[in-house]
Amino acid sequence: MKLGRPLDLLAAIAVPIALALAVQGSVAAPTAGAETSVDLPRAEVTYSADVAPIFKKSCVSCHGGMDGGEKRVEYGLDLTTAKGVLAGSEYGAVIEPGDPDNSYLVELIEAGDMPEEGDPLTPAEIEIIRAWIADGAKDN
């Protein structure tokens, strides 16, 4: 390629530079403060590690805790074990494994009816219980 005219020289330099700048600008880098969404696999919610501590803090004083050397189990509902939760109360089932929306226990805690004493469960605690029930309320 013979560059004889000044415009040819300018074009030979300017075109590659403009092309490089255009390509560099087309690759968008994340901006500061930009939110990125990554779907991470949800860890399995277990009764022993996740649900039992919530029940122990808020529920077993009436539903399975010790009271004067005897176990206190109001309405026949023992929340100290997954087996006890699955057994339900003297009135029947309190959860429907796989279906938190049709579980009486979820209805009571979301309405703020339970626990009767103390602070209501937090939305995060309720979500843990819902996830455990949705996963089949396994004894794990």
N, C-alpha and C. Protein backbone atom coordinates (compact mmCIF):
# COMPACT_ATOMS: atom_id res chain seq x y z
N MET A 1 0.84 -1.18 0.00
CA MET A 1 0.00 0.00 0.00
C MET A 1 0.88 1.23 0.00
N LYS A 2 0.66 2.06 -0.96
CA LYS A 2 1.46 3.27 -1.10
C LYS A 2 0.68 4.44 -0.55
N LEU A 3 1.28 5.13 0.43
CA LEU A 3 0.62 6.27 1.06
C LEU A 3 1.26 7.54 0.54
N GLY A 4 0.63 8.10 -0.42
CA GLY A 4 1.22 9.28 -1.01
C GLY A 4 0.55 10.56 -0.59
N ARG A 5 -0.66 10.51 -0.32
CA ARG A 5 -1.38 11.73 0.01
C ARG A 5 -1.56 11.82 1.52
N PRO A 6 -1.61 13.01 2.10
CA PRO A 6 -1.78 13.17 3.54
C PRO A 6 -3.09 12.57 4.05
N LEU A 7 -4.15 12.62 3.26
CA LEU A 7 -5.41 12.04 3.70
C LEU A 7 -5.32 10.52 3.79
N ASP A 8 -4.55 9.90 2.90
CA ASP A 8 -4.37 8.45 2.96
C ASP A 8 -3.66 8.07 4.25
N LEU A 9 -2.66 8.85 4.63
CA LEU A 9 -1.93 8.60 5.86
C LEU A 9 -2.85 8.76 7.07
N LEU A 10 -3.66 9.81 7.06
CA LEU A 10 -4.59 10.04 8.15
C LEU A 10 -5.61 8.90 8.25
N ALA A 11 -6.12 8.44 7.14
CA ALA A 11 -7.08 7.34 7.13
C ALA A 11 -6.43 6.06 7.63
N ALA A 12 -5.19 5.82 7.26
CA ALA A 12 -4.48 4.61 7.68
C ALA A 12 -4.27 4.59 9.19
N ILE A 13 -4.17 5.74 9.81
CA ILE A 13 -3.97 5.81 11.26
C ILE A 13 -5.32 5.90 11.98
N ALA A 14 -6.23 6.71 11.49
CA ALA A 14 -7.48 6.99 12.18
C ALA A 14 -8.43 5.80 12.17
N VAL A 15 -8.52 5.07 11.09
CA VAL A 15 -9.47 3.96 11.00
C VAL A 15 -9.17 2.88 12.04
N PRO A 16 -7.93 2.39 12.18
CA PRO A 16 -7.68 1.38 13.21
C PRO A 16 -7.91 1.91 14.63
N ILE A 17 -7.59 3.17 14.87
CA ILE A 17 -7.81 3.74 16.20
C ILE A 17 -9.31 3.84 16.48
N ALA A 18 -10.08 4.32 15.53
CA ALA A 18 -11.53 4.43 15.72
C ALA A 18 -12.15 3.05 15.91
N LEU A 19 -11.67 2.07 15.16
CA LEU A 19 -12.18 0.71 15.30
C LEU A 19 -11.86 0.15 16.69
N ALA A 20 -10.66 0.37 17.17
CA ALA A 20 -10.27 -0.11 18.50
C ALA A 20 -11.12 0.55 19.59
N LEU A 21 -11.35 1.85 19.46
CA LEU A 21 -12.18 2.55 20.44
C LEU A 21 -13.63 2.06 20.40
N ALA A 22 -14.13 1.79 19.23
CA ALA A 22 -15.51 1.31 19.11
C ALA A 22 -15.67 -0.07 19.74
N VAL A 23 -14.70 -0.94 19.50
CA VAL A 23 -14.77 -2.29 20.07
C VAL A 23 -14.64 -2.22 21.58
N GLN A 24 -13.73 -1.40 22.07
CA GLN A 24 -13.54 -1.28 23.51
C GLN A 24 -14.80 -0.75 24.19
N GLY A 25 -15.47 0.18 23.60
CA GLY A 25 -16.68 0.75 24.17
C GLY A 25 -17.87 -0.19 24.10
N SER A 26 -17.83 -1.17 23.21
CA SER A 26 -18.98 -2.06 23.07
C SER A 26 -19.01 -3.16 24.12
N VAL A 27 -17.91 -3.41 24.78
CA VAL A 27 -17.87 -4.41 25.85
C VAL A 27 -18.16 -3.67 27.15
N ALA A 28 -19.37 -3.82 27.64
CA ALA A 28 -19.79 -3.08 28.83
C ALA A 28 -19.23 -3.73 30.08
N ALA A 29 -18.55 -2.94 30.86
CA ALA A 29 -18.06 -3.41 32.15
C ALA A 29 -19.09 -3.04 33.20
N PRO A 30 -19.18 -3.85 34.27
CA PRO A 30 -20.13 -3.50 35.33
C PRO A 30 -19.80 -2.14 35.92
N THR A 31 -20.81 -1.35 36.14
CA THR A 31 -20.59 -0.05 36.73
C THR A 31 -20.64 -0.16 38.25
N ALA A 32 -20.03 0.78 38.89
CA ALA A 32 -20.02 0.76 40.35
C ALA A 32 -21.44 0.83 40.87
N GLY A 33 -21.77 -0.04 41.79
CA GLY A 33 -23.09 -0.05 42.39
C GLY A 33 -24.12 -0.83 41.59
N ALA A 34 -23.72 -1.33 40.41
CA ALA A 34 -24.66 -2.10 39.61
C ALA A 34 -24.91 -3.45 40.27
N GLU A 35 -26.16 -3.84 40.30
CA GLU A 35 -26.51 -5.12 40.91
C GLU A 35 -26.40 -6.22 39.88
N THR A 36 -25.84 -7.32 40.29
CA THR A 36 -25.80 -8.49 39.42
C THR A 36 -26.59 -9.58 40.10
N SER A 37 -27.26 -10.37 39.30
CA SER A 37 -28.10 -11.43 39.85
C SER A 37 -27.51 -12.77 39.48
N VAL A 38 -27.25 -13.57 40.48
CA VAL A 38 -26.74 -14.91 40.27
C VAL A 38 -27.64 -15.86 41.02
N ASP A 39 -28.18 -16.84 40.32
CA ASP A 39 -29.03 -17.83 40.98
C ASP A 39 -28.16 -18.93 41.56
N LEU A 40 -27.98 -18.88 42.86
CA LEU A 40 -27.21 -19.91 43.54
C LEU A 40 -28.15 -20.99 44.01
N PRO A 41 -27.68 -22.23 44.02
CA PRO A 41 -28.56 -23.29 44.52
C PRO A 41 -28.87 -23.05 45.99
N ARG A 42 -30.14 -23.25 46.35
CA ARG A 42 -30.56 -23.05 47.74
C ARG A 42 -30.15 -24.27 48.54
N ALA A 43 -29.54 -24.01 49.66
CA ALA A 43 -29.16 -25.12 50.55
C ALA A 43 -30.43 -25.74 51.11
N GLU A 44 -30.41 -27.04 51.31
CA GLU A 44 -31.56 -27.73 51.86
C GLU A 44 -31.80 -27.27 53.30
N VAL A 45 -33.04 -26.97 53.60
CA VAL A 45 -33.42 -26.60 54.96
C VAL A 45 -33.65 -27.90 55.72
N THR A 46 -33.02 -28.02 56.88
CA THR A 46 -33.19 -29.23 57.68
C THR A 46 -33.90 -28.89 58.98
N TYR A 47 -34.58 -29.90 59.52
CA TYR A 47 -35.27 -29.68 60.79
C TYR A 47 -34.26 -29.37 61.88
N SER A 48 -33.24 -30.23 62.00
CA SER A 48 -32.31 -30.11 63.14
C SER A 48 -31.50 -28.82 63.11
N ALA A 49 -31.03 -28.40 61.94
CA ALA A 49 -30.15 -27.23 61.86
C ALA A 49 -30.90 -25.91 61.71
N ASP A 50 -32.08 -25.94 61.09
CA ASP A 50 -32.75 -24.69 60.75
C ASP A 50 -34.07 -24.47 61.49
N VAL A 51 -34.93 -25.48 61.51
CA VAL A 51 -36.27 -25.32 62.06
C VAL A 51 -36.28 -25.48 63.58
N ALA A 52 -35.62 -26.51 64.09
CA ALA A 52 -35.62 -26.77 65.54
C ALA A 52 -35.16 -25.56 66.36
N PRO A 53 -34.10 -24.84 65.94
CA PRO A 53 -33.70 -23.67 66.73
C PRO A 53 -34.80 -22.58 66.80
N ILE A 54 -35.57 -22.44 65.74
CA ILE A 54 -36.67 -21.47 65.75
C ILE A 54 -37.75 -21.92 66.73
N PHE A 55 -38.12 -23.20 66.64
CA PHE A 55 -39.14 -23.72 67.56
C PHE A 55 -38.65 -23.66 69.00
N LYS A 56 -37.37 -23.95 69.22
CA LYS A 56 -36.82 -23.92 70.58
C LYS A 56 -36.90 -22.51 71.16
N LYS A 57 -36.58 -21.52 70.35
CA LYS A 57 -36.59 -20.12 70.80
C LYS A 57 -38.01 -19.62 71.06
N SER A 58 -38.95 -20.00 70.22
CA SER A 58 -40.26 -19.36 70.25
C SER A 58 -41.45 -20.24 70.62
N CYS A 59 -41.29 -21.57 70.56
CA CYS A 59 -42.49 -22.42 70.64
C CYS A 59 -42.46 -23.50 71.72
N VAL A 60 -41.29 -24.06 72.01
CA VAL A 60 -41.29 -25.24 72.87
C VAL A 60 -41.56 -24.93 74.34
N SER A 61 -41.58 -23.69 74.73
CA SER A 61 -41.96 -23.41 76.11
C SER A 61 -43.39 -23.88 76.36
N CYS A 62 -44.20 -23.92 75.32
CA CYS A 62 -45.57 -24.44 75.43
C CYS A 62 -45.75 -25.78 74.72
N HIS A 63 -44.94 -26.04 73.72
CA HIS A 63 -45.15 -27.23 72.88
C HIS A 63 -43.93 -28.15 72.91
N GLY A 64 -43.62 -28.63 74.11
CA GLY A 64 -42.58 -29.65 74.22
C GLY A 64 -41.48 -29.37 75.21
N GLY A 65 -41.46 -28.20 75.80
CA GLY A 65 -40.42 -27.88 76.76
C GLY A 65 -40.72 -28.46 78.13
N MET A 66 -39.72 -28.44 78.97
CA MET A 66 -39.86 -28.96 80.33
C MET A 66 -40.44 -27.87 81.23
N ASP A 67 -41.39 -28.27 82.07
CA ASP A 67 -42.04 -27.35 83.00
C ASP A 67 -42.15 -28.07 84.34
N GLY A 68 -41.29 -27.69 85.29
CA GLY A 68 -41.32 -28.32 86.61
C GLY A 68 -41.00 -29.80 86.56
N GLY A 69 -40.07 -30.18 85.69
CA GLY A 69 -39.68 -31.58 85.58
C GLY A 69 -40.58 -32.42 84.68
N GLU A 70 -41.63 -31.83 84.17
CA GLU A 70 -42.53 -32.55 83.26
C GLU A 70 -42.56 -31.84 81.91
N LYS A 71 -42.74 -32.63 80.87
CA LYS A 71 -42.81 -32.06 79.53
C LYS A 71 -44.16 -31.38 79.34
N ARG A 72 -44.12 -30.13 78.89
CA ARG A 72 -45.34 -29.35 78.65
C ARG A 72 -45.69 -29.46 77.16
N VAL A 73 -46.83 -30.03 76.87
CA VAL A 73 -47.23 -30.23 75.48
C VAL A 73 -48.68 -29.76 75.32
N GLU A 74 -48.84 -28.45 75.14
CA GLU A 74 -50.19 -27.90 75.00
C GLU A 74 -50.84 -28.39 73.71
N TYR A 75 -52.10 -28.76 73.83
CA TYR A 75 -52.91 -29.27 72.72
C TYR A 75 -52.31 -30.54 72.09
N GLY A 76 -51.43 -31.21 72.83
CA GLY A 76 -50.83 -32.43 72.32
C GLY A 76 -49.82 -32.21 71.21
N LEU A 77 -49.38 -30.97 71.03
CA LEU A 77 -48.43 -30.64 69.96
C LEU A 77 -47.03 -30.52 70.52
N ASP A 78 -46.15 -31.40 70.06
CA ASP A 78 -44.75 -31.41 70.49
C ASP A 78 -43.88 -30.97 69.32
N LEU A 79 -43.29 -29.79 69.43
CA LEU A 79 -42.46 -29.24 68.36
C LEU A 79 -40.97 -29.47 68.58
N THR A 80 -40.61 -30.35 69.52
CA THR A 80 -39.19 -30.58 69.80
C THR A 80 -38.54 -31.52 68.80
N THR A 81 -39.34 -32.26 68.04
CA THR A 81 -38.80 -33.17 67.02
C THR A 81 -39.64 -33.05 65.76
N ALA A 82 -39.04 -33.40 64.64
CA ALA A 82 -39.79 -33.42 63.38
C ALA A 82 -40.92 -34.43 63.47
N LYS A 83 -40.66 -35.55 64.13
CA LYS A 83 -41.69 -36.58 64.30
C LYS A 83 -42.88 -36.01 65.07
N GLY A 84 -42.61 -35.21 66.10
CA GLY A 84 -43.69 -34.59 66.87
C GLY A 84 -44.49 -33.61 66.04
N VAL A 85 -43.80 -32.83 65.20
CA VAL A 85 -44.50 -31.88 64.33
C VAL A 85 -45.41 -32.64 63.36
N LEU A 86 -44.85 -33.70 62.77
CA LEU A 86 -45.62 -34.50 61.81
C LEU A 86 -46.80 -35.21 62.46
N ALA A 87 -46.67 -35.55 63.74
CA ALA A 87 -47.77 -36.22 64.45
C ALA A 87 -48.95 -35.28 64.66
N GLY A 88 -48.69 -33.98 64.69
CA GLY A 88 -49.77 -33.01 64.84
C GLY A 88 -50.21 -32.84 66.27
N SER A 89 -51.39 -32.30 66.44
CA SER A 89 -51.93 -32.02 67.77
C SER A 89 -53.13 -32.92 68.04
N GLU A 90 -53.75 -32.71 69.18
CA GLU A 90 -54.95 -33.49 69.50
C GLU A 90 -56.09 -33.17 68.53
N TYR A 91 -55.95 -32.11 67.76
CA TYR A 91 -56.97 -31.72 66.79
C TYR A 91 -56.64 -32.19 65.37
N GLY A 92 -55.47 -32.77 65.18
CA GLY A 92 -55.09 -33.26 63.86
C GLY A 92 -53.79 -32.67 63.37
N ALA A 93 -53.55 -32.84 62.08
CA ALA A 93 -52.30 -32.39 61.46
C ALA A 93 -52.15 -30.87 61.56
N VAL A 94 -50.91 -30.44 61.77
CA VAL A 94 -50.65 -28.99 61.80
C VAL A 94 -49.86 -28.56 60.57
N ILE A 95 -49.28 -29.52 59.86
CA ILE A 95 -48.59 -29.20 58.61
C ILE A 95 -49.00 -30.21 57.55
N GLU A 96 -48.90 -29.78 56.30
CA GLU A 96 -49.11 -30.64 55.14
C GLU A 96 -47.77 -30.70 54.41
N PRO A 97 -46.98 -31.77 54.60
CA PRO A 97 -45.68 -31.85 53.94
C PRO A 97 -45.80 -31.58 52.44
N GLY A 98 -44.95 -30.68 51.96
CA GLY A 98 -44.97 -30.30 50.56
C GLY A 98 -45.91 -29.15 50.24
N ASP A 99 -46.69 -28.70 51.21
CA ASP A 99 -47.70 -27.68 50.95
C ASP A 99 -47.82 -26.68 52.11
N PRO A 100 -46.87 -25.75 52.20
CA PRO A 100 -46.92 -24.79 53.31
C PRO A 100 -48.16 -23.89 53.27
N ASP A 101 -48.70 -23.65 52.09
CA ASP A 101 -49.88 -22.78 51.99
C ASP A 101 -51.12 -23.40 52.63
N ASN A 102 -51.14 -24.71 52.76
CA ASN A 102 -52.28 -25.40 53.39
C ASN A 102 -51.89 -26.03 54.72
N SER A 103 -50.89 -25.45 55.37
CA SER A 103 -50.43 -25.94 56.67
C SER A 103 -50.93 -25.00 57.76
N TYR A 104 -51.68 -25.57 58.69
CA TYR A 104 -52.29 -24.78 59.77
C TYR A 104 -51.23 -24.06 60.60
N LEU A 105 -50.11 -24.69 60.85
CA LEU A 105 -49.04 -24.06 61.63
C LEU A 105 -48.57 -22.78 60.95
N VAL A 106 -48.38 -22.82 59.64
CA VAL A 106 -47.95 -21.64 58.89
C VAL A 106 -49.01 -20.55 58.99
N GLU A 107 -50.26 -20.94 58.87
CA GLU A 107 -51.36 -19.98 58.99
C GLU A 107 -51.32 -19.26 60.34
N LEU A 108 -51.10 -20.03 61.41
CA LEU A 108 -51.06 -19.45 62.75
C LEU A 108 -49.89 -18.49 62.94
N ILE A 109 -48.71 -18.89 62.46
CA ILE A 109 -47.54 -18.03 62.69
C ILE A 109 -47.56 -16.81 61.76
N GLU A 110 -48.08 -16.96 60.55
CA GLU A 110 -48.15 -15.80 59.65
C GLU A 110 -49.20 -14.79 60.12
N ALA A 111 -50.26 -15.27 60.73
CA ALA A 111 -51.29 -14.37 61.25
C ALA A 111 -50.86 -13.70 62.55
N GLY A 112 -49.77 -14.18 63.15
CA GLY A 112 -49.31 -13.63 64.42
C GLY A 112 -50.03 -14.22 65.61
N ASP A 113 -50.83 -15.27 65.38
CA ASP A 113 -51.54 -15.93 66.49
C ASP A 113 -50.60 -16.78 67.34
N MET A 114 -49.52 -17.22 66.75
CA MET A 114 -48.51 -18.00 67.47
C MET A 114 -47.16 -17.38 67.18
N PRO A 115 -46.31 -17.33 68.15
CA PRO A 115 -46.53 -17.77 69.52
C PRO A 115 -47.43 -16.79 70.28
N GLU A 116 -48.16 -17.34 71.24
CA GLU A 116 -49.05 -16.48 72.04
C GLU A 116 -48.26 -15.54 72.93
N GLU A 117 -47.12 -16.01 73.42
CA GLU A 117 -46.27 -15.19 74.29
C GLU A 117 -44.96 -14.91 73.57
N GLY A 118 -44.40 -13.75 73.82
CA GLY A 118 -43.12 -13.41 73.22
C GLY A 118 -43.29 -12.78 71.85
N ASP A 119 -42.16 -12.55 71.22
CA ASP A 119 -42.15 -11.88 69.92
C ASP A 119 -42.63 -12.83 68.82
N PRO A 120 -43.30 -12.27 67.81
CA PRO A 120 -43.68 -13.11 66.68
C PRO A 120 -42.44 -13.53 65.90
N LEU A 121 -42.58 -14.57 65.11
CA LEU A 121 -41.48 -15.02 64.28
C LEU A 121 -41.19 -13.97 63.22
N THR A 122 -39.93 -13.85 62.84
CA THR A 122 -39.54 -12.91 61.80
C THR A 122 -39.93 -13.47 60.44
N PRO A 123 -40.02 -12.62 59.42
CA PRO A 123 -40.29 -13.14 58.08
C PRO A 123 -39.26 -14.18 57.63
N ALA A 124 -38.00 -14.00 58.00
CA ALA A 124 -36.97 -14.97 57.63
C ALA A 124 -37.22 -16.32 58.32
N GLU A 125 -37.61 -16.29 59.58
CA GLU A 125 -37.90 -17.54 60.30
C GLU A 125 -39.11 -18.25 59.69
N ILE A 126 -40.13 -17.48 59.35
CA ILE A 126 -41.31 -18.07 58.72
C ILE A 126 -40.94 -18.69 57.38
N GLU A 127 -40.09 -18.02 56.63
CA GLU A 127 -39.67 -18.55 55.33
C GLU A 127 -38.89 -19.85 55.48
N ILE A 128 -38.08 -19.97 56.52
CA ILE A 128 -37.36 -21.22 56.78
C ILE A 128 -38.35 -22.35 57.06
N ILE A 129 -39.34 -22.08 57.88
CA ILE A 129 -40.35 -23.11 58.19
C ILE A 129 -41.13 -23.47 56.93
N ARG A 130 -41.50 -22.47 56.14
CA ARG A 130 -42.21 -22.73 54.88
C ARG A 130 -41.35 -23.58 53.94
N ALA A 131 -40.07 -23.26 53.84
CA ALA A 131 -39.18 -24.02 52.95
C ALA A 131 -39.05 -25.47 53.42
N TRP A 132 -38.94 -25.66 54.73
CA TRP A 132 -38.84 -27.03 55.26
C TRP A 132 -40.10 -27.82 54.92
N ILE A 133 -41.25 -27.22 55.11
CA ILE A 133 -42.52 -27.89 54.79
C ILE A 133 -42.60 -28.15 53.28
N ALA A 134 -42.24 -27.15 52.47
CA ALA A 134 -42.29 -27.30 51.01
C ALA A 134 -41.39 -28.44 50.54
N ASP A 135 -40.26 -28.63 51.23
CA ASP A 135 -39.34 -29.71 50.87
C ASP A 135 -39.79 -31.07 51.40
N GLY A 136 -40.97 -31.13 51.99
CA GLY A 136 -41.51 -32.41 52.45
C GLY A 136 -41.44 -32.63 53.94
N ALA A 137 -41.01 -31.62 54.70
CA ALA A 137 -40.95 -31.72 56.17
C ALA A 137 -40.20 -32.98 56.60
N LYS A 138 -39.00 -33.13 56.06
CA LYS A 138 -38.20 -34.32 56.36
C LYS A 138 -37.65 -34.28 57.78
N ASP A 139 -37.47 -35.47 58.34
CA ASP A 139 -36.87 -35.61 59.67
C ASP A 139 -35.36 -35.66 59.49
N ASN A 140 -34.76 -34.50 59.28
CA ASN A 140 -33.32 -34.44 59.01
C ASN A 140 -32.65 -33.36 59.84
